[in-house]
N, C-alpha and C. Protein backbone atom coordinates (compact mmCIF):
# COMPACT_ATOMS: atom_id res chain seq x y z
N MET A 1 0.86 -1.20 0.00
CA MET A 1 0.00 0.00 0.00
C MET A 1 0.88 1.24 0.00
N GLY A 2 0.65 2.15 -0.97
CA GLY A 2 1.46 3.36 -1.05
C GLY A 2 1.18 4.30 0.09
N SER A 3 2.12 5.24 0.28
CA SER A 3 1.98 6.18 1.40
C SER A 3 0.75 7.06 1.25
N MET A 4 0.41 7.46 0.00
CA MET A 4 -0.76 8.30 -0.20
C MET A 4 -2.04 7.56 0.16
N VAL A 5 -2.08 6.28 -0.20
CA VAL A 5 -3.25 5.46 0.14
C VAL A 5 -3.35 5.29 1.65
N ARG A 6 -2.20 5.04 2.29
CA ARG A 6 -2.20 4.89 3.75
C ARG A 6 -2.66 6.16 4.43
N ASP A 7 -2.22 7.31 3.91
CA ASP A 7 -2.62 8.58 4.49
C ASP A 7 -4.13 8.79 4.37
N ARG A 8 -4.69 8.43 3.21
CA ARG A 8 -6.13 8.59 3.02
C ARG A 8 -6.92 7.67 3.94
N VAL A 9 -6.43 6.44 4.10
CA VAL A 9 -7.09 5.48 4.99
C VAL A 9 -7.04 5.99 6.42
N ARG A 10 -5.88 6.52 6.82
CA ARG A 10 -5.73 7.03 8.18
C ARG A 10 -6.65 8.24 8.42
N GLU A 11 -6.71 9.15 7.43
CA GLU A 11 -7.56 10.32 7.58
C GLU A 11 -9.03 9.94 7.65
N LYS A 12 -9.42 8.92 6.87
CA LYS A 12 -10.81 8.46 6.91
C LYS A 12 -11.13 7.87 8.28
N MET A 13 -10.22 7.06 8.79
CA MET A 13 -10.42 6.46 10.11
C MET A 13 -10.46 7.55 11.19
N LYS A 14 -9.58 8.53 11.09
CA LYS A 14 -9.56 9.60 12.07
C LYS A 14 -10.87 10.37 12.06
N ALA A 15 -11.40 10.63 10.87
CA ALA A 15 -12.67 11.36 10.76
C ALA A 15 -13.80 10.55 11.37
N GLU A 16 -13.81 9.25 11.13
CA GLU A 16 -14.87 8.39 11.67
C GLU A 16 -14.80 8.34 13.20
N LEU A 17 -13.59 8.19 13.73
CA LEU A 17 -13.42 8.16 15.18
C LEU A 17 -13.79 9.51 15.81
N ALA A 18 -13.46 10.59 15.11
CA ALA A 18 -13.80 11.92 15.62
C ALA A 18 -15.31 12.08 15.73
N GLU A 19 -16.03 11.59 14.74
CA GLU A 19 -17.49 11.67 14.76
C GLU A 19 -18.05 10.90 15.95
N GLN A 20 -17.52 9.70 16.18
CA GLN A 20 -18.00 8.88 17.29
C GLN A 20 -17.65 9.50 18.64
N ALA A 21 -16.42 10.01 18.75
CA ALA A 21 -16.00 10.64 20.00
C ALA A 21 -16.81 11.90 20.26
N TYR A 22 -17.06 12.67 19.21
CA TYR A 22 -17.85 13.88 19.37
C TYR A 22 -19.23 13.56 19.96
N ALA A 23 -19.85 12.51 19.45
CA ALA A 23 -21.18 12.13 19.94
C ALA A 23 -21.15 11.84 21.44
N VAL A 24 -20.08 11.19 21.90
CA VAL A 24 -19.94 10.88 23.32
C VAL A 24 -19.77 12.16 24.13
N PHE A 25 -18.88 13.04 23.69
CA PHE A 25 -18.61 14.27 24.42
C PHE A 25 -19.81 15.21 24.41
N ALA A 26 -20.53 15.26 23.29
CA ALA A 26 -21.70 16.13 23.20
C ALA A 26 -22.80 15.66 24.14
N GLU A 27 -22.92 14.36 24.28
CA GLU A 27 -23.97 13.80 25.14
C GLU A 27 -23.64 13.94 26.62
N ARG A 28 -22.39 13.68 26.98
CA ARG A 28 -22.02 13.61 28.40
C ARG A 28 -21.27 14.84 28.90
N GLY A 29 -20.76 15.65 27.98
CA GLY A 29 -19.97 16.81 28.38
C GLY A 29 -18.49 16.50 28.30
N VAL A 30 -17.74 17.37 27.63
CA VAL A 30 -16.31 17.13 27.42
C VAL A 30 -15.57 17.00 28.74
N GLU A 31 -15.89 17.87 29.68
CA GLU A 31 -15.15 17.89 30.94
C GLU A 31 -15.54 16.74 31.86
N SER A 32 -16.68 16.10 31.57
CA SER A 32 -17.15 15.01 32.44
C SER A 32 -16.68 13.63 31.99
N VAL A 33 -16.08 13.55 30.82
CA VAL A 33 -15.68 12.27 30.25
C VAL A 33 -14.17 12.21 30.12
N THR A 34 -13.57 11.13 30.61
CA THR A 34 -12.13 10.95 30.45
C THR A 34 -11.84 10.34 29.08
N VAL A 35 -10.59 10.41 28.68
CA VAL A 35 -10.20 9.78 27.41
C VAL A 35 -10.47 8.28 27.48
N GLN A 36 -10.17 7.68 28.62
CA GLN A 36 -10.41 6.24 28.78
C GLN A 36 -11.89 5.91 28.56
N GLN A 37 -12.77 6.70 29.15
CA GLN A 37 -14.20 6.46 29.01
C GLN A 37 -14.67 6.68 27.58
N ALA A 38 -14.16 7.71 26.95
CA ALA A 38 -14.54 7.99 25.56
C ALA A 38 -14.06 6.87 24.64
N ALA A 39 -12.82 6.45 24.84
CA ALA A 39 -12.27 5.37 24.01
C ALA A 39 -13.09 4.09 24.18
N GLN A 40 -13.43 3.78 25.41
CA GLN A 40 -14.22 2.58 25.68
C GLN A 40 -15.60 2.68 25.02
N ALA A 41 -16.19 3.86 25.07
CA ALA A 41 -17.52 4.05 24.50
C ALA A 41 -17.55 3.85 22.99
N ILE A 42 -16.43 4.16 22.32
CA ILE A 42 -16.42 4.01 20.86
C ILE A 42 -15.68 2.74 20.43
N GLY A 43 -15.29 1.93 21.40
CA GLY A 43 -14.75 0.61 21.08
C GLY A 43 -13.30 0.55 20.69
N ILE A 44 -12.49 1.48 21.22
CA ILE A 44 -11.05 1.44 20.96
C ILE A 44 -10.31 1.57 22.28
N SER A 45 -9.01 1.31 22.24
CA SER A 45 -8.20 1.45 23.45
C SER A 45 -7.77 2.90 23.63
N ARG A 46 -7.34 3.21 24.83
CA ARG A 46 -6.83 4.56 25.10
C ARG A 46 -5.63 4.86 24.22
N ALA A 47 -4.78 3.85 24.03
CA ALA A 47 -3.58 4.04 23.20
C ALA A 47 -3.97 4.34 21.75
N THR A 48 -4.99 3.66 21.25
CA THR A 48 -5.45 3.91 19.88
C THR A 48 -6.01 5.33 19.76
N PHE A 49 -6.75 5.76 20.79
CA PHE A 49 -7.29 7.12 20.79
C PHE A 49 -6.15 8.12 20.60
N PHE A 50 -5.07 7.93 21.35
CA PHE A 50 -3.96 8.88 21.28
C PHE A 50 -3.11 8.71 20.02
N ARG A 51 -3.31 7.64 19.29
CA ARG A 51 -2.64 7.52 18.00
C ARG A 51 -3.26 8.47 16.98
N TYR A 52 -4.51 8.81 17.20
CA TYR A 52 -5.22 9.67 16.26
C TYR A 52 -5.42 11.10 16.77
N PHE A 53 -5.52 11.26 18.08
CA PHE A 53 -5.81 12.57 18.65
C PHE A 53 -4.85 12.90 19.79
N SER A 54 -4.51 14.16 19.91
CA SER A 54 -3.61 14.57 20.98
C SER A 54 -4.35 14.77 22.29
N SER A 55 -5.69 14.94 22.21
CA SER A 55 -6.49 15.21 23.40
C SER A 55 -7.96 15.03 23.08
N LYS A 56 -8.81 15.13 24.10
CA LYS A 56 -10.26 15.12 23.89
C LYS A 56 -10.65 16.29 22.99
N GLU A 57 -10.06 17.44 23.28
CA GLU A 57 -10.39 18.64 22.53
C GLU A 57 -10.04 18.49 21.04
N ASP A 58 -8.93 17.83 20.79
CA ASP A 58 -8.52 17.60 19.41
C ASP A 58 -9.56 16.77 18.66
N ALA A 59 -10.13 15.78 19.32
CA ALA A 59 -11.15 14.94 18.69
C ALA A 59 -12.39 15.75 18.33
N VAL A 60 -12.83 16.61 19.25
CA VAL A 60 -14.02 17.43 19.00
C VAL A 60 -13.76 18.42 17.86
N VAL A 61 -12.63 19.07 17.88
CA VAL A 61 -12.30 20.05 16.84
C VAL A 61 -12.15 19.36 15.49
N THR A 62 -11.60 18.15 15.49
CA THR A 62 -11.48 17.39 14.24
C THR A 62 -12.85 17.12 13.64
N ALA A 63 -13.83 16.86 14.50
CA ALA A 63 -15.19 16.63 14.00
C ALA A 63 -15.75 17.89 13.33
N LEU A 64 -15.46 19.06 13.89
CA LEU A 64 -15.91 20.30 13.25
C LEU A 64 -15.12 20.56 11.99
N ARG A 65 -13.82 20.32 12.02
CA ARG A 65 -12.99 20.57 10.84
C ARG A 65 -13.40 19.69 9.67
N SER A 66 -14.02 18.54 9.95
CA SER A 66 -14.44 17.66 8.86
C SER A 66 -15.48 18.32 7.97
N THR A 67 -16.10 19.40 8.45
CA THR A 67 -17.10 20.11 7.66
C THR A 67 -16.50 21.19 6.77
N THR A 68 -15.21 21.46 6.91
CA THR A 68 -14.61 22.58 6.18
C THR A 68 -13.90 22.16 4.90
N GLY A 69 -13.77 20.87 4.64
CA GLY A 69 -13.08 20.43 3.45
C GLY A 69 -11.58 20.52 3.60
N HIS A 70 -10.88 20.35 2.49
CA HIS A 70 -9.42 20.35 2.52
C HIS A 70 -8.90 21.52 1.70
N PHE A 71 -8.17 22.42 2.34
CA PHE A 71 -7.69 23.60 1.67
C PHE A 71 -6.66 23.28 0.59
N SER A 72 -6.06 22.10 0.66
CA SER A 72 -5.09 21.72 -0.37
C SER A 72 -5.77 21.54 -1.72
N ASP A 73 -7.12 21.40 -1.74
CA ASP A 73 -7.85 21.26 -3.00
C ASP A 73 -8.08 22.59 -3.69
N VAL A 74 -7.79 23.69 -3.01
CA VAL A 74 -8.06 25.02 -3.57
C VAL A 74 -7.31 25.23 -4.87
N ALA A 75 -6.04 24.85 -4.91
CA ALA A 75 -5.22 25.09 -6.10
C ALA A 75 -5.81 24.40 -7.32
N THR A 76 -6.32 23.19 -7.16
CA THR A 76 -6.90 22.46 -8.27
C THR A 76 -8.15 23.15 -8.79
N SER A 77 -9.00 23.61 -7.89
CA SER A 77 -10.23 24.26 -8.31
C SER A 77 -9.95 25.61 -8.96
N MET A 78 -8.86 26.27 -8.55
CA MET A 78 -8.53 27.58 -9.11
C MET A 78 -8.22 27.48 -10.60
N SER A 79 -7.63 26.40 -11.04
CA SER A 79 -7.19 26.29 -12.43
C SER A 79 -8.37 26.32 -13.40
N SER A 80 -9.57 26.01 -12.90
CA SER A 80 -10.73 25.97 -13.78
C SER A 80 -11.43 27.33 -13.90
N GLN A 81 -10.95 28.34 -13.18
CA GLN A 81 -11.58 29.65 -13.23
C GLN A 81 -10.53 30.74 -13.43
N PRO A 82 -10.01 30.86 -14.63
CA PRO A 82 -8.99 31.89 -14.90
C PRO A 82 -9.54 33.28 -14.69
N GLY A 83 -8.69 34.17 -14.23
CA GLY A 83 -9.09 35.54 -14.01
C GLY A 83 -9.72 35.80 -12.66
N GLU A 84 -9.83 34.77 -11.85
CA GLU A 84 -10.42 34.92 -10.52
C GLU A 84 -9.48 35.71 -9.62
N SER A 85 -10.04 36.63 -8.84
CA SER A 85 -9.21 37.40 -7.92
C SER A 85 -8.82 36.56 -6.71
N LEU A 86 -7.81 37.02 -6.00
CA LEU A 86 -7.38 36.29 -4.81
C LEU A 86 -8.48 36.26 -3.76
N LEU A 87 -9.21 37.36 -3.61
CA LEU A 87 -10.30 37.41 -2.63
C LEU A 87 -11.42 36.45 -3.02
N GLU A 88 -11.71 36.35 -4.31
CA GLU A 88 -12.73 35.41 -4.78
C GLU A 88 -12.29 33.97 -4.54
N LEU A 89 -11.02 33.72 -4.77
CA LEU A 89 -10.49 32.38 -4.51
C LEU A 89 -10.57 32.05 -3.02
N LEU A 90 -10.24 33.01 -2.18
CA LEU A 90 -10.35 32.82 -0.74
C LEU A 90 -11.77 32.44 -0.35
N ARG A 91 -12.74 33.20 -0.85
CA ARG A 91 -14.13 32.92 -0.52
C ARG A 91 -14.51 31.51 -0.96
N ARG A 92 -14.09 31.13 -2.16
CA ARG A 92 -14.46 29.82 -2.69
C ARG A 92 -13.81 28.68 -1.92
N SER A 93 -12.71 28.96 -1.26
CA SER A 93 -12.04 27.90 -0.50
C SER A 93 -12.88 27.43 0.68
N PHE A 94 -13.89 28.22 1.07
CA PHE A 94 -14.77 27.84 2.18
C PHE A 94 -16.11 27.28 1.69
N GLU A 95 -16.20 27.01 0.41
CA GLU A 95 -17.49 26.58 -0.15
C GLU A 95 -17.95 25.24 0.41
N SER A 96 -17.02 24.32 0.67
CA SER A 96 -17.44 23.02 1.21
C SER A 96 -18.06 23.18 2.59
N ALA A 97 -17.56 24.13 3.38
CA ALA A 97 -18.15 24.39 4.69
C ALA A 97 -19.54 24.97 4.53
N VAL A 98 -19.70 25.87 3.57
CA VAL A 98 -21.01 26.47 3.32
C VAL A 98 -22.01 25.40 2.87
N GLU A 99 -21.56 24.51 1.99
CA GLU A 99 -22.44 23.45 1.50
C GLU A 99 -22.86 22.51 2.63
N PHE A 100 -21.93 22.20 3.54
CA PHE A 100 -22.28 21.35 4.67
C PHE A 100 -23.30 22.07 5.56
N ALA A 101 -23.11 23.37 5.75
CA ALA A 101 -24.04 24.15 6.58
C ALA A 101 -25.43 24.16 5.98
N GLU A 102 -25.52 24.17 4.65
CA GLU A 102 -26.82 24.14 3.99
C GLU A 102 -27.46 22.76 4.09
N LYS A 103 -26.62 21.73 4.05
CA LYS A 103 -27.14 20.36 4.09
C LYS A 103 -27.56 19.94 5.49
N ASP A 104 -26.75 20.33 6.49
CA ASP A 104 -27.01 19.89 7.86
C ASP A 104 -26.66 20.99 8.85
N PRO A 105 -27.43 22.09 8.84
CA PRO A 105 -27.10 23.22 9.71
C PRO A 105 -27.13 22.88 11.20
N ALA A 106 -28.06 22.02 11.62
CA ALA A 106 -28.18 21.70 13.04
C ALA A 106 -26.91 21.06 13.58
N THR A 107 -26.33 20.16 12.80
CA THR A 107 -25.10 19.48 13.24
C THR A 107 -23.96 20.47 13.37
N MET A 108 -23.80 21.31 12.36
CA MET A 108 -22.68 22.25 12.38
C MET A 108 -22.85 23.26 13.51
N ILE A 109 -24.05 23.77 13.71
CA ILE A 109 -24.29 24.75 14.77
C ILE A 109 -24.04 24.14 16.13
N SER A 110 -24.48 22.89 16.35
CA SER A 110 -24.28 22.25 17.65
C SER A 110 -22.80 22.08 17.95
N ARG A 111 -22.00 21.79 16.92
CA ARG A 111 -20.56 21.63 17.13
C ARG A 111 -19.91 22.98 17.45
N ILE A 112 -20.31 24.00 16.76
CA ILE A 112 -19.76 25.33 17.02
C ILE A 112 -20.12 25.78 18.42
N GLU A 113 -21.38 25.57 18.82
CA GLU A 113 -21.83 25.99 20.14
C GLU A 113 -21.07 25.25 21.24
N LEU A 114 -20.83 23.96 21.04
CA LEU A 114 -20.07 23.20 22.04
C LEU A 114 -18.66 23.76 22.18
N ILE A 115 -18.03 24.05 21.06
CA ILE A 115 -16.67 24.60 21.09
C ILE A 115 -16.65 25.98 21.73
N ARG A 116 -17.60 26.83 21.36
CA ARG A 116 -17.61 28.18 21.90
C ARG A 116 -17.91 28.21 23.40
N SER A 117 -18.62 27.21 23.89
CA SER A 117 -19.03 27.22 25.31
C SER A 117 -18.03 26.53 26.23
N THR A 118 -16.96 25.98 25.67
CA THR A 118 -15.97 25.24 26.47
C THR A 118 -14.60 25.87 26.28
N PRO A 119 -14.03 26.49 27.32
CA PRO A 119 -12.74 27.20 27.17
C PRO A 119 -11.64 26.35 26.54
N ALA A 120 -11.50 25.11 26.98
CA ALA A 120 -10.44 24.26 26.43
C ALA A 120 -10.66 23.98 24.95
N LEU A 121 -11.93 23.85 24.56
CA LEU A 121 -12.23 23.63 23.14
C LEU A 121 -11.99 24.88 22.32
N ARG A 122 -12.29 26.06 22.89
CA ARG A 122 -12.02 27.31 22.18
C ARG A 122 -10.53 27.45 21.88
N ALA A 123 -9.70 27.12 22.87
CA ALA A 123 -8.25 27.20 22.68
C ALA A 123 -7.80 26.22 21.60
N SER A 124 -8.38 25.01 21.62
CA SER A 124 -8.01 24.00 20.63
C SER A 124 -8.45 24.42 19.23
N TRP A 125 -9.62 25.07 19.14
CA TRP A 125 -10.11 25.55 17.84
C TRP A 125 -9.19 26.63 17.28
N GLN A 126 -8.72 27.53 18.12
CA GLN A 126 -7.80 28.57 17.67
C GLN A 126 -6.49 27.97 17.17
N GLU A 127 -6.02 26.96 17.86
CA GLU A 127 -4.80 26.26 17.41
C GLU A 127 -5.06 25.59 16.07
N SER A 128 -6.25 25.03 15.91
CA SER A 128 -6.62 24.39 14.65
C SER A 128 -6.64 25.41 13.51
N LEU A 129 -7.14 26.61 13.78
CA LEU A 129 -7.16 27.65 12.76
C LEU A 129 -5.74 28.02 12.32
N ARG A 130 -4.82 28.03 13.27
CA ARG A 130 -3.42 28.32 12.92
C ARG A 130 -2.86 27.23 12.00
N GLU A 131 -3.22 25.98 12.27
CA GLU A 131 -2.77 24.89 11.41
C GLU A 131 -3.41 24.99 10.03
N GLN A 132 -4.69 25.34 10.00
CA GLN A 132 -5.38 25.48 8.72
C GLN A 132 -4.83 26.66 7.92
N GLN A 133 -4.34 27.68 8.63
CA GLN A 133 -3.75 28.82 7.95
C GLN A 133 -2.53 28.39 7.15
N VAL A 134 -1.74 27.50 7.72
CA VAL A 134 -0.55 27.00 7.02
C VAL A 134 -0.96 26.25 5.76
N ALA A 135 -1.99 25.39 5.88
CA ALA A 135 -2.44 24.60 4.73
C ALA A 135 -3.03 25.49 3.65
N LEU A 136 -3.82 26.48 4.07
CA LEU A 136 -4.44 27.38 3.10
C LEU A 136 -3.39 28.24 2.41
N ALA A 137 -2.42 28.74 3.16
CA ALA A 137 -1.35 29.55 2.57
C ALA A 137 -0.57 28.74 1.54
N GLN A 138 -0.34 27.48 1.84
CA GLN A 138 0.38 26.61 0.91
C GLN A 138 -0.42 26.44 -0.39
N ALA A 139 -1.74 26.28 -0.27
CA ALA A 139 -2.58 26.13 -1.45
C ALA A 139 -2.64 27.41 -2.27
N LEU A 140 -2.60 28.56 -1.60
CA LEU A 140 -2.69 29.84 -2.28
C LEU A 140 -1.36 30.29 -2.89
N SER A 141 -0.29 29.75 -2.38
CA SER A 141 1.04 30.21 -2.75
C SER A 141 1.31 30.29 -4.25
N PRO A 142 0.86 29.32 -5.08
CA PRO A 142 1.13 29.43 -6.52
C PRO A 142 0.45 30.62 -7.18
N PHE A 143 -0.54 31.22 -6.51
CA PHE A 143 -1.31 32.31 -7.10
C PHE A 143 -0.99 33.66 -6.48
N CYS A 144 0.06 33.69 -5.65
CA CYS A 144 0.45 34.94 -4.96
C CYS A 144 1.85 35.35 -5.39
N ALA A 145 2.12 36.64 -5.31
CA ALA A 145 3.42 37.16 -5.71
C ALA A 145 4.54 36.65 -4.82
N ASN A 146 4.24 36.39 -3.55
CA ASN A 146 5.23 35.87 -2.63
C ASN A 146 4.54 35.14 -1.48
N GLN A 147 5.33 34.46 -0.68
CA GLN A 147 4.77 33.65 0.40
C GLN A 147 4.11 34.50 1.49
N ARG A 148 4.65 35.68 1.74
CA ARG A 148 4.06 36.54 2.76
C ARG A 148 2.63 36.93 2.38
N LEU A 149 2.42 37.19 1.10
CA LEU A 149 1.07 37.52 0.64
C LEU A 149 0.13 36.33 0.83
N ALA A 150 0.61 35.14 0.51
CA ALA A 150 -0.21 33.93 0.68
C ALA A 150 -0.58 33.73 2.15
N GLU A 151 0.38 33.96 3.03
CA GLU A 151 0.13 33.79 4.46
C GLU A 151 -0.86 34.83 4.98
N THR A 152 -0.72 36.06 4.51
CA THR A 152 -1.62 37.13 4.94
C THR A 152 -3.04 36.87 4.42
N ALA A 153 -3.13 36.43 3.17
CA ALA A 153 -4.44 36.13 2.59
C ALA A 153 -5.12 34.99 3.36
N ALA A 154 -4.35 33.97 3.71
CA ALA A 154 -4.91 32.85 4.46
C ALA A 154 -5.41 33.31 5.82
N LEU A 155 -4.65 34.17 6.49
CA LEU A 155 -5.07 34.70 7.78
C LEU A 155 -6.36 35.51 7.65
N LEU A 156 -6.44 36.34 6.62
CA LEU A 156 -7.65 37.12 6.38
C LEU A 156 -8.85 36.21 6.15
N GLY A 157 -8.69 35.23 5.27
CA GLY A 157 -9.80 34.34 4.96
C GLY A 157 -10.31 33.58 6.17
N LEU A 158 -9.41 33.05 6.95
CA LEU A 158 -9.81 32.28 8.12
C LEU A 158 -10.42 33.17 9.20
N SER A 159 -9.94 34.40 9.31
CA SER A 159 -10.53 35.34 10.27
C SER A 159 -11.97 35.67 9.87
N LEU A 160 -12.18 35.91 8.60
CA LEU A 160 -13.53 36.19 8.11
C LEU A 160 -14.45 34.99 8.32
N TYR A 161 -13.92 33.81 8.06
CA TYR A 161 -14.69 32.58 8.22
C TYR A 161 -15.07 32.35 9.68
N ASP A 162 -14.10 32.50 10.58
CA ASP A 162 -14.37 32.29 12.00
C ASP A 162 -15.39 33.30 12.52
N HIS A 163 -15.26 34.54 12.09
CA HIS A 163 -16.22 35.58 12.49
C HIS A 163 -17.61 35.27 11.94
N ALA A 164 -17.66 34.77 10.70
CA ALA A 164 -18.95 34.43 10.09
C ALA A 164 -19.62 33.29 10.85
N LEU A 165 -18.84 32.33 11.32
CA LEU A 165 -19.42 31.23 12.11
C LEU A 165 -20.09 31.77 13.36
N ASP A 166 -19.41 32.69 14.05
CA ASP A 166 -19.98 33.30 15.26
C ASP A 166 -21.29 34.03 14.96
N ARG A 167 -21.27 34.81 13.90
CA ARG A 167 -22.48 35.56 13.54
C ARG A 167 -23.61 34.63 13.14
N TRP A 168 -23.28 33.58 12.41
CA TRP A 168 -24.29 32.64 11.94
C TRP A 168 -25.00 31.95 13.11
N VAL A 169 -24.21 31.49 14.08
CA VAL A 169 -24.79 30.79 15.22
C VAL A 169 -25.72 31.72 16.00
N GLY A 170 -25.39 32.98 16.08
CA GLY A 170 -26.21 33.92 16.84
C GLY A 170 -27.29 34.61 16.03
N SER A 171 -27.40 34.27 14.75
CA SER A 171 -28.37 34.96 13.90
C SER A 171 -29.70 34.22 13.86
N THR A 172 -30.70 34.90 13.35
CA THR A 172 -32.00 34.27 13.14
C THR A 172 -32.40 34.49 11.68
N GLY A 173 -32.45 33.42 10.94
CA GLY A 173 -32.90 33.50 9.56
C GLY A 173 -31.81 33.66 8.52
N SER A 174 -30.61 34.06 8.90
CA SER A 174 -29.52 34.22 7.93
C SER A 174 -28.79 32.90 7.75
N THR A 175 -28.34 32.65 6.54
CA THR A 175 -27.55 31.44 6.28
C THR A 175 -26.07 31.75 6.39
N LEU A 176 -25.27 30.71 6.56
CA LEU A 176 -23.82 30.92 6.60
C LEU A 176 -23.34 31.49 5.27
N ARG A 177 -23.93 31.06 4.18
CA ARG A 177 -23.54 31.59 2.87
C ARG A 177 -23.74 33.10 2.81
N GLU A 178 -24.89 33.56 3.26
CA GLU A 178 -25.19 35.00 3.22
C GLU A 178 -24.22 35.78 4.09
N ILE A 179 -23.96 35.26 5.28
CA ILE A 179 -23.08 35.97 6.22
C ILE A 179 -21.64 35.98 5.73
N LEU A 180 -21.17 34.86 5.19
CA LEU A 180 -19.80 34.79 4.70
C LEU A 180 -19.62 35.64 3.45
N ASP A 181 -20.61 35.61 2.56
CA ASP A 181 -20.54 36.46 1.36
C ASP A 181 -20.48 37.93 1.75
N GLU A 182 -21.28 38.32 2.73
CA GLU A 182 -21.28 39.70 3.19
C GLU A 182 -19.92 40.09 3.76
N ALA A 183 -19.32 39.18 4.55
CA ALA A 183 -18.01 39.46 5.14
C ALA A 183 -16.96 39.68 4.07
N PHE A 184 -16.98 38.86 3.03
CA PHE A 184 -16.01 39.03 1.95
C PHE A 184 -16.32 40.27 1.11
N ASP A 185 -17.59 40.60 0.97
CA ASP A 185 -17.94 41.84 0.27
C ASP A 185 -17.39 43.06 1.01
N PHE A 186 -17.53 43.04 2.34
CA PHE A 186 -16.99 44.15 3.13
C PHE A 186 -15.47 44.22 3.02
N ALA A 187 -14.82 43.05 3.00
CA ALA A 187 -13.36 43.03 2.85
C ALA A 187 -12.96 43.68 1.53
N ALA A 188 -13.73 43.44 0.50
CA ALA A 188 -13.42 44.01 -0.82
C ALA A 188 -13.62 45.52 -0.83
N MET A 189 -14.47 46.02 0.07
CA MET A 189 -14.77 47.46 0.12
C MET A 189 -13.78 48.24 0.97
N ILE A 190 -12.93 47.57 1.72
CA ILE A 190 -12.06 48.26 2.67
C ILE A 190 -11.19 49.32 2.01
N ASP A 191 -10.55 48.99 0.90
CA ASP A 191 -9.65 49.94 0.24
C ASP A 191 -10.41 51.20 -0.18
N ASP A 192 -11.58 51.03 -0.78
CA ASP A 192 -12.35 52.18 -1.25
C ASP A 192 -12.78 53.07 -0.08
N ASN A 193 -13.25 52.44 0.98
CA ASN A 193 -13.69 53.22 2.13
C ASN A 193 -12.52 53.96 2.78
N TRP A 194 -11.37 53.30 2.86
CA TRP A 194 -10.21 53.94 3.46
C TRP A 194 -9.79 55.15 2.63
N ALA A 195 -9.85 55.02 1.31
CA ALA A 195 -9.44 56.12 0.44
C ALA A 195 -10.36 57.33 0.63
N VAL A 196 -11.63 57.08 0.90
CA VAL A 196 -12.59 58.17 1.06
C VAL A 196 -12.47 58.84 2.42
N ARG A 197 -12.21 58.06 3.48
CA ARG A 197 -12.31 58.57 4.84
C ARG A 197 -11.01 59.13 5.42
N ARG A 198 -9.87 58.75 4.91
CA ARG A 198 -8.63 59.18 5.57
C ARG A 198 -8.35 60.66 5.38
């Protein structure tokens, strides 16, 4: 079995275990369940749990991250839309998350609410965003003048996305697509507004 195949198999298994672990933590409370208890509940050993996750928080965040897609796919999708701006590409990199939110909003909202309401999970989510920033910057790099621009663009995109998640969970009637599109529209207006107001 090649390394790429092994990696895909491992990622699939990790995603499945994250879903099962999330269900346990959501039902019983993250702080009330030990790793040993969670592992037992999903039918694996404690050692196996730690082969896939660094902590309980990592398992929960992995379950939420499974809704965001893989930023490494951005470069491939970009090639089919010549002339696309960097900001448009950034917005499109979150499309899989938007599609999941449209398909199963209750699941995504419940995961976000659990993370936002638990300090240790909030810290783990922020660390996850930093890791995703690296992956997104790498995907954007072929389309940027330099690596610093790719890194800054990735930071901007993830900041807008994280803010949109917060607004979406607290909104009534608005979709994640509407809120995220609005956030990116405002980002596109920043230069014009600054030129007028300074």
